[in-house]
Amino acid sequence: MLKLIMQRIFVRLLLAVALFSTAAMSARAIEVKVSANALERTLRAQLFNGPEGRYYLRGNPHSSCYVYADSPHVTFAGDRIVVHVHTRSRMGASVMGACVGLSLSTNADVSLVPEGEGESIGFRDARIERLSESRELNFLLVPFLSGKLPAQMKVNAADLARQLLTRSAETTGYRVTLNSLKMHSMLVQGDSLVLDVDASMNVD
């Protein structure tokens, strides 16, 4: 998940508390840099969490005919986030427990624009960059790449931060409560996704 991101936000908030010596903070802007590896781990945890890290677009691990995607890899290109996946398929008819038809192993790419959605890290403007040469396979891949995949990458950052802060008294001696968190802007800059976050919290 994006636990690492929230931990960084938490640490910066505590540093701000130490500097300003207040028991309650109004909303303050915080800049957080997120690596492509962090986004990739999130995608693996939220979508590619089936057997052997696969997501089945058709069938299941016990089907003779199936289509699945695996091995997601996230990179940055310009102002976009590119997600690369490997796909493997056996498409045809199941005859006596065997799939009679076409077998394919190929790759597909989709690029996305990051977008702050209130408390959430979201993605929009999905653009298919590479597909297979099979129309039947692409019929399944297009809605997966442009809809399912970006939807499953979305994360409510405030909920994750609150989960981390539930143990703040044990780890820091202070009970820290997050009142609000809002994504102000999100931009790809070089090898990082840079988030500007407004956050408000109490410290007891």
C-alpha atoms as a PDB file:
ATOM      1  CA  MET A   1       0.000   0.000   0.000  1.00  0.00           C
ATOM      2  CA  LEU A   2       1.040   3.650   0.276  1.00  0.00           C
ATOM      3  CA  LYS A   3       2.109   3.152   3.885  1.00  0.00           C
ATOM      4  CA  LEU A   4       5.556   4.609   3.195  1.00  0.00           C
ATOM      5  CA  ILE A   5       4.003   7.792   1.835  1.00  0.00           C
ATOM      6  CA  MET A   6       1.828   8.237   4.897  1.00  0.00           C
ATOM      7  CA  GLN A   7       4.755   7.584   7.214  1.00  0.00           C
ATOM      8  CA  ARG A   8       6.638  10.432   5.540  1.00  0.00           C
ATOM      9  CA  ILE A   9       3.654  12.741   5.958  1.00  0.00           C
ATOM     10  CA  PHE A  10       3.408  11.722   9.615  1.00  0.00           C
ATOM     11  CA  VAL A  11       7.088  12.428  10.279  1.00  0.00           C
ATOM     12  CA  ARG A  12       6.885  15.857   8.657  1.00  0.00           C
ATOM     13  CA  LEU A  13       3.805  16.721  10.664  1.00  0.00           C
ATOM     14  CA  LEU A  14       5.564  15.806  13.904  1.00  0.00           C
ATOM     15  CA  LEU A  15       8.564  17.936  12.934  1.00  0.00           C
ATOM     16  CA  ALA A  16       6.233  20.851  12.304  1.00  0.00           C
ATOM     17  CA  VAL A  17       4.708  20.341  15.748  1.00  0.00           C
ATOM     18  CA  ALA A  18       8.153  20.373  17.356  1.00  0.00           C
ATOM     19  CA  LEU A  19       9.102  23.567  15.533  1.00  0.00           C
ATOM     20  CA  PHE A  20       5.938  25.493  16.292  1.00  0.00           C
ATOM     21  CA  SER A  21       5.299  23.951  19.761  1.00  0.00           C
ATOM     22  CA  THR A  22       1.538  23.881  19.389  1.00  0.00           C
ATOM     23  CA  ALA A  23      -1.045  21.363  20.556  1.00  0.00           C
ATOM     24  CA  ALA A  24      -3.233  21.949  17.545  1.00  0.00           C
ATOM     25  CA  MET A  25      -2.246  22.721  13.975  1.00  0.00           C
ATOM     26  CA  SER A  26      -4.342  24.423  11.325  1.00  0.00           C
ATOM     27  CA  ALA A  27      -3.991  23.281   7.748  1.00  0.00           C
ATOM     28  CA  ARG A  28      -0.400  23.480   6.515  1.00  0.00           C
ATOM     29  CA  ALA A  29       1.085  22.660   3.136  1.00  0.00           C
ATOM     30  CA  ILE A  30       3.397  19.648   3.020  1.00  0.00           C
ATOM     31  CA  GLU A  31       5.376  18.422   0.023  1.00  0.00           C
ATOM     32  CA  VAL A  32       5.771  14.654  -0.317  1.00  0.00           C
ATOM     33  CA  LYS A  33       7.788  12.876  -3.008  1.00  0.00           C
ATOM     34  CA  VAL A  34       6.606   9.428  -4.100  1.00  0.00           C
ATOM     35  CA  SER A  35       8.757   7.010  -6.099  1.00  0.00           C
ATOM     36  CA  ALA A  36       7.596   4.806  -8.958  1.00  0.00           C
ATOM     37  CA  ASN A  37       8.470   1.783  -6.795  1.00  0.00           C
ATOM     38  CA  ALA A  38       6.014   2.925  -4.114  1.00  0.00           C
ATOM     39  CA  LEU A  39       3.198   3.172  -6.680  1.00  0.00           C
ATOM     40  CA  GLU A  40       4.153  -0.231  -8.078  1.00  0.00           C
ATOM     41  CA  ARG A  41       3.956  -1.838  -4.613  1.00  0.00           C
ATOM     42  CA  THR A  42       0.523  -0.280  -4.155  1.00  0.00           C
ATOM     43  CA  LEU A  43      -0.698  -1.693  -7.454  1.00  0.00           C
ATOM     44  CA  ARG A  44       0.616  -5.158  -6.609  1.00  0.00           C
ATOM     45  CA  ALA A  45      -1.046  -5.074  -3.193  1.00  0.00           C
ATOM     46  CA  GLN A  46      -4.426  -3.795  -4.369  1.00  0.00           C
ATOM     47  CA  LEU A  47      -4.888  -5.498  -7.737  1.00  0.00           C
ATOM     48  CA  PHE A  48      -2.222  -8.095  -8.485  1.00  0.00           C
ATOM     49  CA  ASN A  49      -2.751  -9.901  -5.213  1.00  0.00           C
ATOM     50  CA  GLY A  50      -4.030 -13.233  -6.514  1.00  0.00           C
ATOM     51  CA  PRO A  51      -2.134 -16.511  -6.799  1.00  0.00           C
ATOM     52  CA  GLU A  52       1.376 -15.908  -8.215  1.00  0.00           C
ATOM     53  CA  GLY A  53       0.652 -12.174  -8.463  1.00  0.00           C
ATOM     54  CA  ARG A  54      -1.867 -12.580 -11.277  1.00  0.00           C
ATOM     55  CA  TYR A  55      -5.081 -10.737 -12.060  1.00  0.00           C
ATOM     56  CA  TYR A  56      -7.508 -12.818 -14.131  1.00  0.00           C
ATOM     57  CA  LEU A  57      -9.470 -10.945 -16.791  1.00  0.00           C
ATOM     58  CA  ARG A  58     -11.156 -14.195 -17.773  1.00  0.00           C
ATOM     59  CA  GLY A  59     -11.271 -17.526 -15.975  1.00  0.00           C
ATOM     60  CA  ASN A  60      -9.345 -18.423 -12.840  1.00  0.00           C
ATOM     61  CA  PRO A  61      -6.285 -20.488 -11.811  1.00  0.00           C
ATOM     62  CA  HIS A  62      -8.250 -23.694 -12.424  1.00  0.00           C
ATOM     63  CA  SER A  63      -9.680 -22.803 -15.856  1.00  0.00           C
ATOM     64  CA  SER A  64      -8.395 -24.481 -18.998  1.00  0.00           C
ATOM     65  CA  CYS A  65      -9.079 -21.269 -20.955  1.00  0.00           C
ATOM     66  CA  TYR A  66      -8.066 -18.010 -19.314  1.00  0.00           C
ATOM     67  CA  VAL A  67      -6.594 -14.516 -19.674  1.00  0.00           C
ATOM     68  CA  TYR A  68      -4.489 -12.953 -16.957  1.00  0.00           C
ATOM     69  CA  ALA A  69      -2.146 -10.013 -16.414  1.00  0.00           C
ATOM     70  CA  ASP A  70       0.878 -10.029 -14.121  1.00  0.00           C
ATOM     71  CA  SER A  71       4.300  -8.431 -13.505  1.00  0.00           C
ATOM     72  CA  PRO A  72       3.157  -4.776 -13.284  1.00  0.00           C
ATOM     73  CA  HIS A  73       5.935  -2.221 -13.632  1.00  0.00           C
ATOM     74  CA  VAL A  74       5.498   1.523 -13.018  1.00  0.00           C
ATOM     75  CA  THR A  75       7.675   4.256 -14.526  1.00  0.00           C
ATOM     76  CA  PHE A  76       7.406   8.002 -15.142  1.00  0.00           C
ATOM     77  CA  ALA A  77       7.453   9.554 -18.619  1.00  0.00           C
ATOM     78  CA  GLY A  78       7.062  13.296 -18.995  1.00  0.00           C
ATOM     79  CA  ASP A  79       4.063  14.313 -16.904  1.00  0.00           C
ATOM     80  CA  ARG A  80       2.488  10.847 -16.997  1.00  0.00           C
ATOM     81  CA  ILE A  81       2.700   7.584 -15.060  1.00  0.00           C
ATOM     82  CA  VAL A  82       3.217   4.525 -17.272  1.00  0.00           C
ATOM     83  CA  VAL A  83       2.053   1.083 -16.133  1.00  0.00           C
ATOM     84  CA  HIS A  84       3.455  -1.915 -17.998  1.00  0.00           C
ATOM     85  CA  VAL A  85       1.899  -5.368 -17.599  1.00  0.00           C
ATOM     86  CA  HIS A  86       2.605  -8.792 -19.051  1.00  0.00           C
ATOM     87  CA  THR A  87      -0.366 -10.817 -20.263  1.00  0.00           C
ATOM     88  CA  ARG A  88      -0.798 -14.503 -20.923  1.00  0.00           C
ATOM     89  CA  SER A  89      -3.866 -16.112 -22.435  1.00  0.00           C
ATOM     90  CA  ARG A  90      -5.360 -19.331 -23.716  1.00  0.00           C
ATOM     91  CA  MET A  91      -8.481 -18.469 -25.667  1.00  0.00           C
ATOM     92  CA  GLY A  92     -10.783 -20.950 -27.320  1.00  0.00           C
ATOM     93  CA  ALA A  93     -13.085 -23.754 -26.251  1.00  0.00           C
ATOM     94  CA  SER A  94     -12.660 -26.037 -23.274  1.00  0.00           C
ATOM     95  CA  VAL A  95     -12.722 -29.643 -24.494  1.00  0.00           C
ATOM     96  CA  MET A  96     -12.351 -32.461 -21.981  1.00  0.00           C
ATOM     97  CA  GLY A  97     -10.443 -30.248 -19.568  1.00  0.00           C
ATOM     98  CA  ALA A  98      -8.118 -28.745 -22.183  1.00  0.00           C
ATOM     99  CA  CYS A  99      -8.309 -25.384 -23.960  1.00  0.00           C
ATOM    100  CA  VAL A 100      -8.450 -25.791 -27.720  1.00  0.00           C
ATOM    101  CA  GLY A 101      -7.519 -22.491 -29.326  1.00  0.00           C
ATOM    102  CA  LEU A 102      -4.921 -19.751 -29.383  1.00  0.00           C
ATOM    103  CA  SER A 103      -2.196 -19.200 -26.773  1.00  0.00           C
ATOM    104  CA  LEU A 104      -0.616 -15.744 -26.455  1.00  0.00           C
ATOM    105  CA  SER A 105       2.065 -14.139 -24.328  1.00  0.00           C
ATOM    106  CA  THR A 106       2.343 -10.388 -24.828  1.00  0.00           C
ATOM    107  CA  ASN A 107       2.776  -7.011 -23.123  1.00  0.00           C
ATOM    108  CA  ALA A 108       0.556  -3.966 -22.731  1.00  0.00           C
ATOM    109  CA  ASP A 109       1.128  -0.401 -21.529  1.00  0.00           C
ATOM    110  CA  VAL A 110      -1.168   2.356 -20.280  1.00  0.00           C
ATOM    111  CA  SER A 111      -0.242   5.870 -19.183  1.00  0.00           C
ATOM    112  CA  LEU A 112      -2.121   7.942 -16.618  1.00  0.00           C
ATOM    113  CA  VAL A 113      -2.184  11.487 -15.265  1.00  0.00           C
ATOM    114  CA  PRO A 114      -2.085  11.700 -11.438  1.00  0.00           C
ATOM    115  CA  GLU A 115      -4.821  13.746  -9.801  1.00  0.00           C
ATOM    116  CA  GLY A 116      -5.680  14.721  -6.238  1.00  0.00           C
ATOM    117  CA  GLU A 117      -9.285  13.877  -5.393  1.00  0.00           C
ATOM    118  CA  GLY A 118      -9.979  15.368  -1.975  1.00  0.00           C
ATOM    119  CA  GLU A 119      -8.391  12.924   0.483  1.00  0.00           C
ATOM    120  CA  SER A 120      -7.399  10.483  -2.251  1.00  0.00           C
ATOM    121  CA  ILE A 121      -4.586   9.922  -4.699  1.00  0.00           C
ATOM    122  CA  GLY A 122      -6.333   9.295  -8.011  1.00  0.00           C
ATOM    123  CA  PHE A 123      -5.566   8.929 -11.718  1.00  0.00           C
ATOM    124  CA  ARG A 124      -7.296  10.117 -14.897  1.00  0.00           C
ATOM    125  CA  ASP A 125      -6.916  10.377 -18.667  1.00  0.00           C
ATOM    126  CA  ALA A 126      -5.935   6.722 -19.207  1.00  0.00           C
ATOM    127  CA  ARG A 127      -4.188   6.397 -22.577  1.00  0.00           C
ATOM    128  CA  ILE A 128      -3.444   2.979 -24.082  1.00  0.00           C
ATOM    129  CA  GLU A 129       0.167   3.001 -25.263  1.00  0.00           C
ATOM    130  CA  ARG A 130       0.548  -0.613 -26.391  1.00  0.00           C
ATOM    131  CA  LEU A 131      -1.807  -3.555 -26.993  1.00  0.00           C
ATOM    132  CA  SER A 132      -1.611  -7.056 -28.408  1.00  0.00           C
ATOM    133  CA  GLU A 133      -2.282  -7.982 -32.025  1.00  0.00           C
ATOM    134  CA  SER A 134      -5.332 -10.019 -31.016  1.00  0.00           C
ATOM    135  CA  ARG A 135      -8.711  -8.259 -31.249  1.00  0.00           C
ATOM    136  CA  GLU A 136     -10.273 -10.759 -28.848  1.00  0.00           C
ATOM    137  CA  LEU A 137      -7.568 -10.188 -26.247  1.00  0.00           C
ATOM    138  CA  ASN A 138      -7.712  -6.410 -26.718  1.00  0.00           C
ATOM    139  CA  PHE A 139     -11.470  -6.524 -26.125  1.00  0.00           C
ATOM    140  CA  LEU A 140     -10.620  -7.574 -22.558  1.00  0.00           C
ATOM    141  CA  LEU A 141      -7.455  -5.503 -22.140  1.00  0.00           C
ATOM    142  CA  VAL A 142      -8.847  -2.069 -23.060  1.00  0.00           C
ATOM    143  CA  PRO A 143     -11.453  -1.811 -20.242  1.00  0.00           C
ATOM    144  CA  PHE A 144      -8.969  -3.357 -17.807  1.00  0.00           C
ATOM    145  CA  LEU A 145      -6.175  -0.897 -18.610  1.00  0.00           C
ATOM    146  CA  SER A 146      -8.359   2.202 -18.932  1.00  0.00           C
ATOM    147  CA  GLY A 147     -10.831   1.478 -16.114  1.00  0.00           C
ATOM    148  CA  LYS A 148     -10.065  -1.276 -13.627  1.00  0.00           C
ATOM    149  CA  LEU A 149      -6.339  -0.629 -13.255  1.00  0.00           C
ATOM    150  CA  PRO A 150      -6.453   3.150 -12.529  1.00  0.00           C
ATOM    151  CA  ALA A 151      -9.448   2.653 -10.223  1.00  0.00           C
ATOM    152  CA  GLN A 152      -7.522   0.105  -8.153  1.00  0.00           C
ATOM    153  CA  MET A 153      -4.481   2.380  -7.902  1.00  0.00           C
ATOM    154  CA  LYS A 154      -6.607   5.038  -6.176  1.00  0.00           C
ATOM    155  CA  VAL A 155      -5.945   5.303  -2.436  1.00  0.00           C
ATOM    156  CA  ASN A 156      -7.617   7.264   0.355  1.00  0.00           C
ATOM    157  CA  ALA A 157      -4.517   8.797   1.925  1.00  0.00           C
ATOM    158  CA  ALA A 158      -6.342  10.219   4.952  1.00  0.00           C
ATOM    159  CA  ASP A 159      -7.645   6.786   5.988  1.00  0.00           C
ATOM    160  CA  LEU A 160      -4.152   5.316   5.757  1.00  0.00           C
ATOM    161  CA  ALA A 161      -2.680   8.185   7.778  1.00  0.00           C
ATOM    162  CA  ARG A 162      -5.306   7.751  10.503  1.00  0.00           C
ATOM    163  CA  GLN A 163      -4.524   4.035  10.709  1.00  0.00           C
ATOM    164  CA  LEU A 164      -0.836   4.830  11.222  1.00  0.00           C
ATOM    165  CA  LEU A 165      -1.601   7.474  13.833  1.00  0.00           C
ATOM    166  CA  THR A 166      -3.673   5.125  16.021  1.00  0.00           C
ATOM    167  CA  ARG A 167      -0.401   3.944  17.610  1.00  0.00           C
ATOM    168  CA  SER A 168       1.236   7.358  17.842  1.00  0.00           C
ATOM    169  CA  ALA A 169       0.946   7.475  21.645  1.00  0.00           C
ATOM    170  CA  GLU A 170       2.839   4.185  21.950  1.00  0.00           C
ATOM    171  CA  THR A 171       5.611   5.146  19.555  1.00  0.00           C
ATOM    172  CA  THR A 172       6.065   8.861  20.331  1.00  0.00           C
ATOM    173  CA  GLY A 173       4.410   9.528  23.680  1.00  0.00           C
ATOM    174  CA  TYR A 174       1.944  11.900  21.992  1.00  0.00           C
ATOM    175  CA  ARG A 175      -1.585  11.139  20.838  1.00  0.00           C
ATOM    176  CA  VAL A 176      -1.754  12.545  17.316  1.00  0.00           C
ATOM    177  CA  THR A 177      -5.106  12.942  15.556  1.00  0.00           C
ATOM    178  CA  LEU A 178      -5.508  13.828  11.899  1.00  0.00           C
ATOM    179  CA  ASN A 179      -8.449  16.185  11.443  1.00  0.00           C
ATOM    180  CA  SER A 180      -8.275  16.610   7.691  1.00  0.00           C
ATOM    181  CA  LEU A 181      -6.042  15.909   4.740  1.00  0.00           C
ATOM    182  CA  LYS A 182      -6.522  17.262   1.241  1.00  0.00           C
ATOM    183  CA  MET A 183      -4.528  16.658  -1.905  1.00  0.00           C
ATOM    184  CA  HIS A 184      -3.803  20.111  -3.291  1.00  0.00           C
ATOM    185  CA  SER A 185      -1.805  19.174  -6.392  1.00  0.00           C
ATOM    186  CA  MET A 186       0.082  16.266  -7.910  1.00  0.00           C
ATOM    187  CA  LEU A 187       2.806  16.487 -10.555  1.00  0.00           C
ATOM    188  CA  VAL A 188       5.392  14.134 -12.035  1.00  0.00           C
ATOM    189  CA  GLN A 189       8.771  15.808 -11.683  1.00  0.00           C
ATOM    190  CA  GLY A 190      11.736  13.775 -12.895  1.00  0.00           C
ATOM    191  CA  ASP A 191      11.841  10.472 -11.029  1.00  0.00           C
ATOM    192  CA  SER A 192       9.215  11.422  -8.413  1.00  0.00           C
ATOM    193  CA  LEU A 193       5.510  12.064  -8.083  1.00  0.00           C
ATOM    194  CA  VAL A 194       5.372  15.272  -6.039  1.00  0.00           C
ATOM    195  CA  LEU A 195       2.316  15.787  -3.826  1.00  0.00           C
ATOM    196  CA  ASP A 196       1.322  19.078  -2.212  1.00  0.00           C
ATOM    197  CA  VAL A 197      -0.873  18.158   0.757  1.00  0.00           C
ATOM    198  CA  ASP A 198      -2.840  20.359   3.141  1.00  0.00           C
ATOM    199  CA  ALA A 199      -3.156  18.697   6.563  1.00  0.00           C
ATOM    200  CA  SER A 200      -4.642  19.613   9.930  1.00  0.00           C
ATOM    201  CA  MET A 201      -4.086  17.673  13.170  1.00  0.00           C
ATOM    202  CA  ASN A 202      -4.211  17.745  16.957  1.00  0.00           C
ATOM    203  CA  VAL A 203      -1.456  16.639  19.344  1.00  0.00           C
ATOM    204  CA  ASP A 204      -2.226  15.712  22.977  1.00  0.00           C
END
